[in-house]
Amino acid sequence: AMRKVYEEVQELEQAVRENGEIEEEFGDILFALVNISRFLKINPEFALTKATKKFINRFEYVENSALSEGKQLSTMTLEEMDLLWDQAKIALSKKL
């Protein structure tokens, strides 16, 4: 099942290069990932919800950190935001 995901990713990359069926290939990746969840006995919707919550928490950390430094996200460089993102990962992992 894992190899199928890698195969589908390669097909998506090819579709992107060749302006092919990008949406369909992306869907194939999602389908392959759901198949892996079956083998791992996890609920893919719960896993996605958990990942979404983690992303939101990290993004809020980045926003709040920027504001506390007197900065706006819209004026920050990607490197500055990446630094705050890395700090969020460390800080929030300690709260778990």
PDB file of N, CA and C in Angstrom:
ATOM      1  N   ALA A   1       0.821  -1.206   0.000  1.00  0.00           N
ATOM      2  CA  ALA A   1       0.000   0.000   0.000  1.00  0.00           C
ATOM      3  C   ALA A   1       0.862   1.266   0.000  1.00  0.00           C
ATOM      4  N   MET A   2       1.989   1.211   0.705  1.00  0.00           N
ATOM      5  CA  MET A   2       2.876   2.380   0.734  1.00  0.00           C
ATOM      6  C   MET A   2       3.461   2.633  -0.652  1.00  0.00           C
ATOM      7  N   ARG A   3       3.860   1.568  -1.328  1.00  0.00           N
ATOM      8  CA  ARG A   3       4.420   1.732  -2.675  1.00  0.00           C
ATOM      9  C   ARG A   3       3.397   2.354  -3.615  1.00  0.00           C
ATOM     10  N   LYS A   4       2.129   2.041  -3.410  1.00  0.00           N
ATOM     11  CA  LYS A   4       1.080   2.600  -4.257  1.00  0.00           C
ATOM     12  C   LYS A   4       1.009   4.116  -4.076  1.00  0.00           C
ATOM     13  N   VAL A   5       1.196   4.584  -2.858  1.00  0.00           N
ATOM     14  CA  VAL A   5       1.202   6.036  -2.614  1.00  0.00           C
ATOM     15  C   VAL A   5       2.340   6.680  -3.396  1.00  0.00           C
ATOM     16  N   TYR A   6       3.533   6.093  -3.329  1.00  0.00           N
ATOM     17  CA  TYR A   6       4.678   6.646  -4.056  1.00  0.00           C
ATOM     18  C   TYR A   6       4.407   6.657  -5.569  1.00  0.00           C
ATOM     19  N   GLU A   7       3.798   5.584  -6.042  1.00  0.00           N
ATOM     20  CA  GLU A   7       3.455   5.498  -7.467  1.00  0.00           C
ATOM     21  C   GLU A   7       2.468   6.603  -7.852  1.00  0.00           C
ATOM     22  N   GLU A   8       1.464   6.804  -7.008  1.00  0.00           N
ATOM     23  CA  GLU A   8       0.463   7.838  -7.297  1.00  0.00           C
ATOM     24  C   GLU A   8       1.065   9.242  -7.247  1.00  0.00           C
ATOM     25  N   VAL A   9       2.008   9.467  -6.342  1.00  0.00           N
ATOM     26  CA  VAL A   9       2.685  10.773  -6.271  1.00  0.00           C
ATOM     27  C   VAL A   9       3.459  11.019  -7.560  1.00  0.00           C
ATOM     28  N   GLN A  10       4.119  10.002  -8.057  1.00  0.00           N
ATOM     29  CA  GLN A  10       4.849  10.145  -9.324  1.00  0.00           C
ATOM     30  C   GLN A  10       3.888  10.454 -10.470  1.00  0.00           C
ATOM     31  N   GLU A  11       2.725   9.824 -10.464  1.00  0.00           N
ATOM     32  CA  GLU A  11       1.738  10.104 -11.506  1.00  0.00           C
ATOM     33  C   GLU A  11       1.219  11.533 -11.403  1.00  0.00           C
ATOM     34  N   LEU A  12       1.061  12.031 -10.177  1.00  0.00           N
ATOM     35  CA  LEU A  12       0.651  13.428 -10.006  1.00  0.00           C
ATOM     36  C   LEU A  12       1.737  14.364 -10.522  1.00  0.00           C
ATOM     37  N   GLU A  13       2.985  14.077 -10.187  1.00  0.00           N
ATOM     38  CA  GLU A  13       4.093  14.910 -10.675  1.00  0.00           C
ATOM     39  C   GLU A  13       4.109  14.951 -12.198  1.00  0.00           C
ATOM     40  N   GLN A  14       3.882  13.817 -12.818  1.00  0.00           N
ATOM     41  CA  GLN A  14       3.843  13.756 -14.274  1.00  0.00           C
ATOM     42  C   GLN A  14       2.666  14.563 -14.815  1.00  0.00           C
ATOM     43  N   ALA A  15       1.515  14.439 -14.177  1.00  0.00           N
ATOM     44  CA  ALA A  15       0.337  15.181 -14.617  1.00  0.00           C
ATOM     45  C   ALA A  15       0.567  16.685 -14.505  1.00  0.00           C
ATOM     46  N   VAL A  16       1.251  17.109 -13.458  1.00  0.00           N
ATOM     47  CA  VAL A  16       1.552  18.537 -13.283  1.00  0.00           C
ATOM     48  C   VAL A  16       2.475  19.008 -14.400  1.00  0.00           C
ATOM     49  N   ARG A  17       3.509  18.219 -14.695  1.00  0.00           N
ATOM     50  CA  ARG A  17       4.450  18.585 -15.758  1.00  0.00           C
ATOM     51  C   ARG A  17       3.766  18.658 -17.117  1.00  0.00           C
ATOM     52  N   GLU A  18       2.820  17.750 -17.345  1.00  0.00           N
ATOM     53  CA  GLU A  18       2.205  17.623 -18.666  1.00  0.00           C
ATOM     54  C   GLU A  18       0.803  18.239 -18.749  1.00  0.00           C
ATOM     55  N   ASN A  19       0.417  19.002 -17.725  1.00  0.00           N
ATOM     56  CA  ASN A  19      -0.934  19.579 -17.682  1.00  0.00           C
ATOM     57  C   ASN A  19      -2.008  18.508 -17.873  1.00  0.00           C
ATOM     58  N   GLY A  20      -1.827  17.412 -17.167  1.00  0.00           N
ATOM     59  CA  GLY A  20      -2.761  16.297 -17.257  1.00  0.00           C
ATOM     60  C   GLY A  20      -3.889  16.411 -16.244  1.00  0.00           C
ATOM     61  N   GLU A  21      -4.450  15.273 -15.898  1.00  0.00           N
ATOM     62  CA  GLU A  21      -5.576  15.198 -14.960  1.00  0.00           C
ATOM     63  C   GLU A  21      -5.087  15.344 -13.517  1.00  0.00           C
ATOM     64  N   ILE A  22      -4.752  16.551 -13.135  1.00  0.00           N
ATOM     65  CA  ILE A  22      -4.169  16.817 -11.826  1.00  0.00           C
ATOM     66  C   ILE A  22      -5.134  16.461 -10.707  1.00  0.00           C
ATOM     67  N   GLU A  23      -6.373  16.886 -10.833  1.00  0.00           N
ATOM     68  CA  GLU A  23      -7.342  16.628  -9.770  1.00  0.00           C
ATOM     69  C   GLU A  23      -7.578  15.130  -9.593  1.00  0.00           C
ATOM     70  N   GLU A  24      -7.679  14.418 -10.679  1.00  0.00           N
ATOM     71  CA  GLU A  24      -7.895  12.976 -10.610  1.00  0.00           C
ATOM     72  C   GLU A  24      -6.706  12.275  -9.962  1.00  0.00           C
ATOM     73  N   GLU A  25      -5.492  12.673 -10.341  1.00  0.00           N
ATOM     74  CA  GLU A  25      -4.298  12.062  -9.767  1.00  0.00           C
ATOM     75  C   GLU A  25      -4.172  12.383  -8.281  1.00  0.00           C
ATOM     76  N   PHE A  26      -4.540  13.599  -7.911  1.00  0.00           N
ATOM     77  CA  PHE A  26      -4.534  13.968  -6.493  1.00  0.00           C
ATOM     78  C   PHE A  26      -5.519  13.096  -5.731  1.00  0.00           C
ATOM     79  N   GLY A  27      -6.685  12.885  -6.293  1.00  0.00           N
ATOM     80  CA  GLY A  27      -7.681  12.015  -5.678  1.00  0.00           C
ATOM     81  C   GLY A  27      -7.166  10.594  -5.513  1.00  0.00           C
ATOM     82  N   ASP A  28      -6.402  10.116  -6.491  1.00  0.00           N
ATOM     83  CA  ASP A  28      -5.821   8.777  -6.396  1.00  0.00           C
ATOM     84  C   ASP A  28      -4.863   8.674  -5.207  1.00  0.00           C
ATOM     85  N   ILE A  29      -4.123   9.752  -4.948  1.00  0.00           N
ATOM     86  CA  ILE A  29      -3.230   9.764  -3.785  1.00  0.00           C
ATOM     87  C   ILE A  29      -4.039   9.670  -2.503  1.00  0.00           C
ATOM     88  N   LEU A  30      -5.091  10.464  -2.423  1.00  0.00           N
ATOM     89  CA  LEU A  30      -5.938  10.423  -1.228  1.00  0.00           C
ATOM     90  C   LEU A  30      -6.520   9.034  -1.019  1.00  0.00           C
ATOM     91  N   PHE A  31      -6.976   8.434  -2.093  1.00  0.00           N
ATOM     92  CA  PHE A  31      -7.545   7.099  -2.020  1.00  0.00           C
ATOM     93  C   PHE A  31      -6.497   6.100  -1.518  1.00  0.00           C
ATOM     94  N   ALA A  32      -5.267   6.197  -2.023  1.00  0.00           N
ATOM     95  CA  ALA A  32      -4.192   5.302  -1.594  1.00  0.00           C
ATOM     96  C   ALA A  32      -3.855   5.515  -0.123  1.00  0.00           C
ATOM     97  N   LEU A  33      -3.892   6.761   0.322  1.00  0.00           N
ATOM     98  CA  LEU A  33      -3.618   7.046   1.734  1.00  0.00           C
ATOM     99  C   LEU A  33      -4.708   6.478   2.636  1.00  0.00           C
ATOM    100  N   VAL A  34      -5.944   6.581   2.205  1.00  0.00           N
ATOM    101  CA  VAL A  34      -7.051   6.005   2.972  1.00  0.00           C
ATOM    102  C   VAL A  34      -6.873   4.490   3.062  1.00  0.00           C
ATOM    103  N   ASN A  35      -6.405   3.881   2.000  1.00  0.00           N
ATOM    104  CA  ASN A  35      -6.157   2.441   2.019  1.00  0.00           C
ATOM    105  C   ASN A  35      -5.097   2.087   3.069  1.00  0.00           C
ATOM    106  N   ILE A  36      -4.062   2.900   3.188  1.00  0.00           N
ATOM    107  CA  ILE A  36      -3.046   2.667   4.221  1.00  0.00           C
ATOM    108  C   ILE A  36      -3.675   2.766   5.605  1.00  0.00           C
ATOM    109  N   SER A  37      -4.565   3.720   5.792  1.00  0.00           N
ATOM    110  CA  SER A  37      -5.198   3.873   7.108  1.00  0.00           C
ATOM    111  C   SER A  37      -5.958   2.607   7.492  1.00  0.00           C
ATOM    112  N   ARG A  38      -6.502   1.941   6.508  1.00  0.00           N
ATOM    113  CA  ARG A  38      -7.204   0.684   6.766  1.00  0.00           C
ATOM    114  C   ARG A  38      -6.244  -0.344   7.352  1.00  0.00           C
ATOM    115  N   PHE A  39      -5.066  -0.466   6.747  1.00  0.00           N
ATOM    116  CA  PHE A  39      -4.065  -1.415   7.231  1.00  0.00           C
ATOM    117  C   PHE A  39      -3.560  -1.039   8.627  1.00  0.00           C
ATOM    118  N   LEU A  40      -3.471   0.254   8.888  1.00  0.00           N
ATOM    119  CA  LEU A  40      -2.980   0.734  10.186  1.00  0.00           C
ATOM    120  C   LEU A  40      -4.076   0.791  11.241  1.00  0.00           C
ATOM    121  N   LYS A  41      -5.303   0.522  10.807  1.00  0.00           N
ATOM    122  CA  LYS A  41      -6.470   0.535  11.699  1.00  0.00           C
ATOM    123  C   LYS A  41      -6.665   1.900  12.364  1.00  0.00           C
ATOM    124  N   ILE A  42      -6.539   2.950  11.532  1.00  0.00           N
ATOM    125  CA  ILE A  42      -6.822   4.303  12.015  1.00  0.00           C
ATOM    126  C   ILE A  42      -7.922   4.905  11.145  1.00  0.00           C
ATOM    127  N   ASN A  43      -8.653   5.825  11.724  1.00  0.00           N
ATOM    128  CA  ASN A  43      -9.718   6.506  11.011  1.00  0.00           C
ATOM    129  C   ASN A  43      -9.101   7.709  10.283  1.00  0.00           C
ATOM    130  N   PRO A  44      -9.129   7.724   8.948  1.00  0.00           N
ATOM    131  CA  PRO A  44      -8.479   8.815   8.224  1.00  0.00           C
ATOM    132  C   PRO A  44      -9.101  10.181   8.511  1.00  0.00           C
ATOM    133  N   GLU A  45     -10.391  10.220   8.771  1.00  0.00           N
ATOM    134  CA  GLU A  45     -11.019  11.506   9.087  1.00  0.00           C
ATOM    135  C   GLU A  45     -10.527  12.041  10.425  1.00  0.00           C
ATOM    136  N   PHE A  46     -10.393  11.163  11.420  1.00  0.00           N
ATOM    137  CA  PHE A  46      -9.868  11.589  12.716  1.00  0.00           C
ATOM    138  C   PHE A  46      -8.420  12.046  12.581  1.00  0.00           C
ATOM    139  N   ALA A  47      -7.646  11.317  11.791  1.00  0.00           N
ATOM    140  CA  ALA A  47      -6.247  11.687  11.587  1.00  0.00           C
ATOM    141  C   ALA A  47      -6.138  13.063  10.931  1.00  0.00           C
ATOM    142  N   LEU A  48      -6.979  13.326   9.940  1.00  0.00           N
ATOM    143  CA  LEU A  48      -6.962  14.624   9.267  1.00  0.00           C
ATOM    144  C   LEU A  48      -7.420  15.731  10.211  1.00  0.00           C
ATOM    145  N   THR A  49      -8.429  15.453  11.027  1.00  0.00           N
ATOM    146  CA  THR A  49      -8.901  16.442  12.004  1.00  0.00           C
ATOM    147  C   THR A  49      -7.798  16.778  12.997  1.00  0.00           C
ATOM    148  N   LYS A  50      -7.097  15.755  13.453  1.00  0.00           N
ATOM    149  CA  LYS A  50      -6.000  15.969  14.400  1.00  0.00           C
ATOM    150  C   LYS A  50      -4.889  16.808  13.769  1.00  0.00           C
ATOM    151  N   ALA A  51      -4.547  16.499  12.527  1.00  0.00           N
ATOM    152  CA  ALA A  51      -3.506  17.255  11.825  1.00  0.00           C
ATOM    153  C   ALA A  51      -3.940  18.704  11.593  1.00  0.00           C
ATOM    154  N   THR A  52      -5.217  18.896  11.291  1.00  0.00           N
ATOM    155  CA  THR A  52      -5.745  20.246  11.071  1.00  0.00           C
ATOM    156  C   THR A  52      -5.667  21.061  12.352  1.00  0.00           C
ATOM    157  N   LYS A  53      -6.045  20.464  13.464  1.00  0.00           N
ATOM    158  CA  LYS A  53      -5.975  21.164  14.755  1.00  0.00           C
ATOM    159  C   LYS A  53      -4.531  21.537  15.091  1.00  0.00           C
ATOM    160  N   LYS A  54      -3.604  20.612  14.806  1.00  0.00           N
ATOM    161  CA  LYS A  54      -2.193  20.881  15.066  1.00  0.00           C
ATOM    162  C   LYS A  54      -1.721  22.064  14.217  1.00  0.00           C
ATOM    163  N   PHE A  55      -2.130  22.078  12.937  1.00  0.00           N
ATOM    164  CA  PHE A  55      -1.754  23.178  12.057  1.00  0.00           C
ATOM    165  C   PHE A  55      -2.305  24.504  12.585  1.00  0.00           C
ATOM    166  N   ILE A  56      -3.579  24.511  12.973  1.00  0.00           N
ATOM    167  CA  ILE A  56      -4.210  25.737  13.477  1.00  0.00           C
ATOM    168  C   ILE A  56      -3.474  26.241  14.718  1.00  0.00           C
ATOM    169  N   ASN A  57      -3.162  25.331  15.636  1.00  0.00           N
ATOM    170  CA  ASN A  57      -2.452  25.740  16.855  1.00  0.00           C
ATOM    171  C   ASN A  57      -1.093  26.347  16.531  1.00  0.00           C
ATOM    172  N   ARG A  58      -0.381  25.722  15.598  1.00  0.00           N
ATOM    173  CA  ARG A  58       0.930  26.249  15.224  1.00  0.00           C
ATOM    174  C   ARG A  58       0.808  27.599  14.520  1.00  0.00           C
ATOM    175  N   PHE A  59      -0.186  27.725  13.647  1.00  0.00           N
ATOM    176  CA  PHE A  59      -0.360  28.977  12.937  1.00  0.00           C
ATOM    177  C   PHE A  59      -0.725  30.100  13.907  1.00  0.00           C
ATOM    178  N   GLU A  60      -1.591  29.802  14.875  1.00  0.00           N
ATOM    179  CA  GLU A  60      -1.944  30.802  15.879  1.00  0.00           C
ATOM    180  C   GLU A  60      -0.716  31.209  16.690  1.00  0.00           C
ATOM    181  N   TYR A  61       0.147  30.252  16.991  1.00  0.00           N
ATOM    182  CA  TYR A  61       1.389  30.557  17.694  1.00  0.00           C
ATOM    183  C   TYR A  61       2.236  31.523  16.866  1.00  0.00           C
ATOM    184  N   VAL A  62       2.362  31.248  15.577  1.00  0.00           N
ATOM    185  CA  VAL A  62       3.138  32.105  14.682  1.00  0.00           C
ATOM    186  C   VAL A  62       2.539  33.505  14.650  1.00  0.00           C
ATOM    187  N   GLU A  63       1.219  33.592  14.482  1.00  0.00           N
ATOM    188  CA  GLU A  63       0.550  34.903  14.457  1.00  0.00           C
ATOM    189  C   GLU A  63       0.788  35.671  15.747  1.00  0.00           C
ATOM    190  N   ASN A  64       0.567  35.017  16.872  1.00  0.00           N
ATOM    191  CA  ASN A  64       0.724  35.682  18.170  1.00  0.00           C
ATOM    192  C   ASN A  64       2.172  36.087  18.428  1.00  0.00           C
ATOM    193  N   SER A  65       3.102  35.222  18.030  1.00  0.00           N
ATOM    194  CA  SER A  65       4.518  35.563  18.212  1.00  0.00           C
ATOM    195  C   SER A  65       4.902  36.769  17.365  1.00  0.00           C
ATOM    196  N   ALA A  66       4.414  36.796  16.136  1.00  0.00           N
ATOM    197  CA  ALA A  66       4.704  37.937  15.262  1.00  0.00           C
ATOM    198  C   ALA A  66       4.139  39.216  15.850  1.00  0.00           C
ATOM    199  N   LEU A  67       2.899  39.153  16.297  1.00  0.00           N
ATOM    200  CA  LEU A  67       2.276  40.339  16.889  1.00  0.00           C
ATOM    201  C   LEU A  67       3.028  40.804  18.123  1.00  0.00           C
ATOM    202  N   SER A  68       3.492  39.860  18.947  1.00  0.00           N
ATOM    203  CA  SER A  68       4.223  40.249  20.162  1.00  0.00           C
ATOM    204  C   SER A  68       5.565  40.893  19.822  1.00  0.00           C
ATOM    205  N   GLU A  69       6.064  40.609  18.614  1.00  0.00           N
ATOM    206  CA  GLU A  69       7.300  41.242  18.144  1.00  0.00           C
ATOM    207  C   GLU A  69       7.007  42.513  17.354  1.00  0.00           C
ATOM    208  N   GLY A  70       5.723  42.884  17.285  1.00  0.00           N
ATOM    209  CA  GLY A  70       5.331  44.088  16.563  1.00  0.00           C
ATOM    210  C   GLY A  70       5.352  43.929  15.052  1.00  0.00           C
ATOM    211  N   LYS A  71       5.202  42.698  14.578  1.00  0.00           N
ATOM    212  CA  LYS A  71       5.259  42.440  13.139  1.00  0.00           C
ATOM    213  C   LYS A  71       3.910  41.948  12.630  1.00  0.00           C
ATOM    214  N   GLN A  72       3.690  42.172  11.342  1.00  0.00           N
ATOM    215  CA  GLN A  72       2.522  41.646  10.646  1.00  0.00           C
ATOM    216  C   GLN A  72       2.987  40.506   9.750  1.00  0.00           C
ATOM    217  N   LEU A  73       2.214  39.418   9.697  1.00  0.00           N
ATOM    218  CA  LEU A  73       2.592  38.296   8.844  1.00  0.00           C
ATOM    219  C   LEU A  73       2.740  38.732   7.390  1.00  0.00           C
ATOM    220  N   SER A  74       1.912  39.665   6.966  1.00  0.00           N
ATOM    221  CA  SER A  74       1.928  40.095   5.567  1.00  0.00           C
ATOM    222  C   SER A  74       3.226  40.792   5.170  1.00  0.00           C
ATOM    223  N   THR A  75       3.981  41.265   6.150  1.00  0.00           N
ATOM    224  CA  THR A  75       5.237  41.953   5.836  1.00  0.00           C
ATOM    225  C   THR A  75       6.470  41.114   6.170  1.00  0.00           C
ATOM    226  N   MET A  76       6.257  39.927   6.728  1.00  0.00           N
ATOM    227  CA  MET A  76       7.376  39.073   7.113  1.00  0.00           C
ATOM    228  C   MET A  76       7.850  38.242   5.927  1.00  0.00           C
ATOM    229  N   THR A  77       9.126  37.909   5.951  1.00  0.00           N
ATOM    230  CA  THR A  77       9.665  37.020   4.919  1.00  0.00           C
ATOM    231  C   THR A  77       9.285  35.579   5.259  1.00  0.00           C
ATOM    232  N   LEU A  78       9.379  34.724   4.267  1.00  0.00           N
ATOM    233  CA  LEU A  78       9.103  33.310   4.487  1.00  0.00           C
ATOM    234  C   LEU A  78      10.078  32.726   5.508  1.00  0.00           C
ATOM    235  N   GLU A  79      11.305  33.176   5.479  1.00  0.00           N
ATOM    236  CA  GLU A  79      12.309  32.695   6.426  1.00  0.00           C
ATOM    237  C   GLU A  79      11.941  33.076   7.858  1.00  0.00           C
ATOM    238  N   GLU A  80      11.453  34.294   8.050  1.00  0.00           N
ATOM    239  CA  GLU A  80      11.031  34.727   9.387  1.00  0.00           C
ATOM    240  C   GLU A  80       9.854  33.884   9.879  1.00  0.00           C
ATOM    241  N   MET A  81       8.906  33.629   8.993  1.00  0.00           N
ATOM    242  CA  MET A  81       7.754  32.815   9.383  1.00  0.00           C
ATOM    243  C   MET A  81       8.162  31.374   9.654  1.00  0.00           C
ATOM    244  N   ASP A  82       9.092  30.851   8.863  1.00  0.00           N
ATOM    245  CA  ASP A  82       9.584  29.484   9.086  1.00  0.00           C
ATOM    246  C   ASP A  82      10.250  29.355  10.455  1.00  0.00           C
ATOM    247  N   LEU A  83      10.983  30.373  10.850  1.00  0.00           N
ATOM    248  CA  LEU A  83      11.633  30.359  12.154  1.00  0.00           C
ATOM    249  C   LEU A  83      10.583  30.287  13.266  1.00  0.00           C
ATOM    250  N   LEU A  84       9.546  31.093  13.150  1.00  0.00           N
ATOM    251  CA  LEU A  84       8.469  31.058  14.146  1.00  0.00           C
ATOM    252  C   LEU A  84       7.734  29.719  14.103  1.00  0.00           C
ATOM    253  N   TRP A  85       7.567  29.156  12.907  1.00  0.00           N
ATOM    254  CA  TRP A  85       6.906  27.847  12.768  1.00  0.00           C
ATOM    255  C   TRP A  85       7.711  26.770  13.510  1.00  0.00           C
ATOM    256  N   ASP A  86       9.033  26.808  13.356  1.00  0.00           N
ATOM    257  CA  ASP A  86       9.885  25.845  14.043  1.00  0.00           C
ATOM    258  C   ASP A  86       9.800  26.030  15.561  1.00  0.00           C
ATOM    259  N   GLN A  87       9.724  27.277  15.997  1.00  0.00           N
ATOM    260  CA  GLN A  87       9.565  27.551  17.426  1.00  0.00           C
ATOM    261  C   GLN A  87       8.220  27.018  17.920  1.00  0.00           C
ATOM    262  N   ALA A  88       7.181  27.158  17.103  1.00  0.00           N
ATOM    263  CA  ALA A  88       5.847  26.667  17.468  1.00  0.00           C
ATOM    264  C   ALA A  88       5.872  25.156  17.640  1.00  0.00           C
ATOM    265  N   LYS A  89       6.534  24.455  16.734  1.00  0.00           N
ATOM    266  CA  LYS A  89       6.603  22.998  16.822  1.00  0.00           C
ATOM    267  C   LYS A  89       7.243  22.562  18.133  1.00  0.00           C
ATOM    268  N   ILE A  90       8.299  23.254  18.525  1.00  0.00           N
ATOM    269  CA  ILE A  90       8.999  22.911  19.769  1.00  0.00           C
ATOM    270  C   ILE A  90       8.141  23.275  20.979  1.00  0.00           C
ATOM    271  N   ALA A  91       7.639  24.497  20.995  1.00  0.00           N
ATOM    272  CA  ALA A  91       6.870  24.980  22.147  1.00  0.00           C
ATOM    273  C   ALA A  91       5.601  24.172  22.362  1.00  0.00           C
ATOM    274  N   LEU A  92       4.891  23.870  21.283  1.00  0.00           N
ATOM    275  CA  LEU A  92       3.620  23.169  21.415  1.00  0.00           C
ATOM    276  C   LEU A  92       3.799  21.681  21.673  1.00  0.00           C
ATOM    277  N   SER A  93       4.927  21.116  21.266  1.00  0.00           N
ATOM    278  CA  SER A  93       5.160  19.695  21.537  1.00  0.00           C
ATOM    279  C   SER A  93       5.419  19.474  23.029  1.00  0.00           C
ATOM    280  N   LYS A  94       5.928  20.487  23.704  1.00  0.00           N
ATOM    281  CA  LYS A  94       6.183  20.386  25.148  1.00  0.00           C
ATOM    282  C   LYS A  94       4.881  20.402  25.947  1.00  0.00           C
ATOM    283  N   LYS A  95       3.806  20.934  25.340  1.00  0.00           N
ATOM    284  CA  LYS A  95       2.524  21.014  26.041  1.00  0.00           C
ATOM    285  C   LYS A  95       1.745  19.706  25.965  1.00  0.00           C
ATOM    286  N   LEU A  96       2.179  18.782  25.087  1.00  0.00           N
ATOM    287  CA  LEU A  96       1.463  17.512  24.911  1.00  0.00           C
ATOM    288  C   LEU A  96       1.727  16.554  26.023  1.00  0.00           C
TER     289      LEU A  96
END
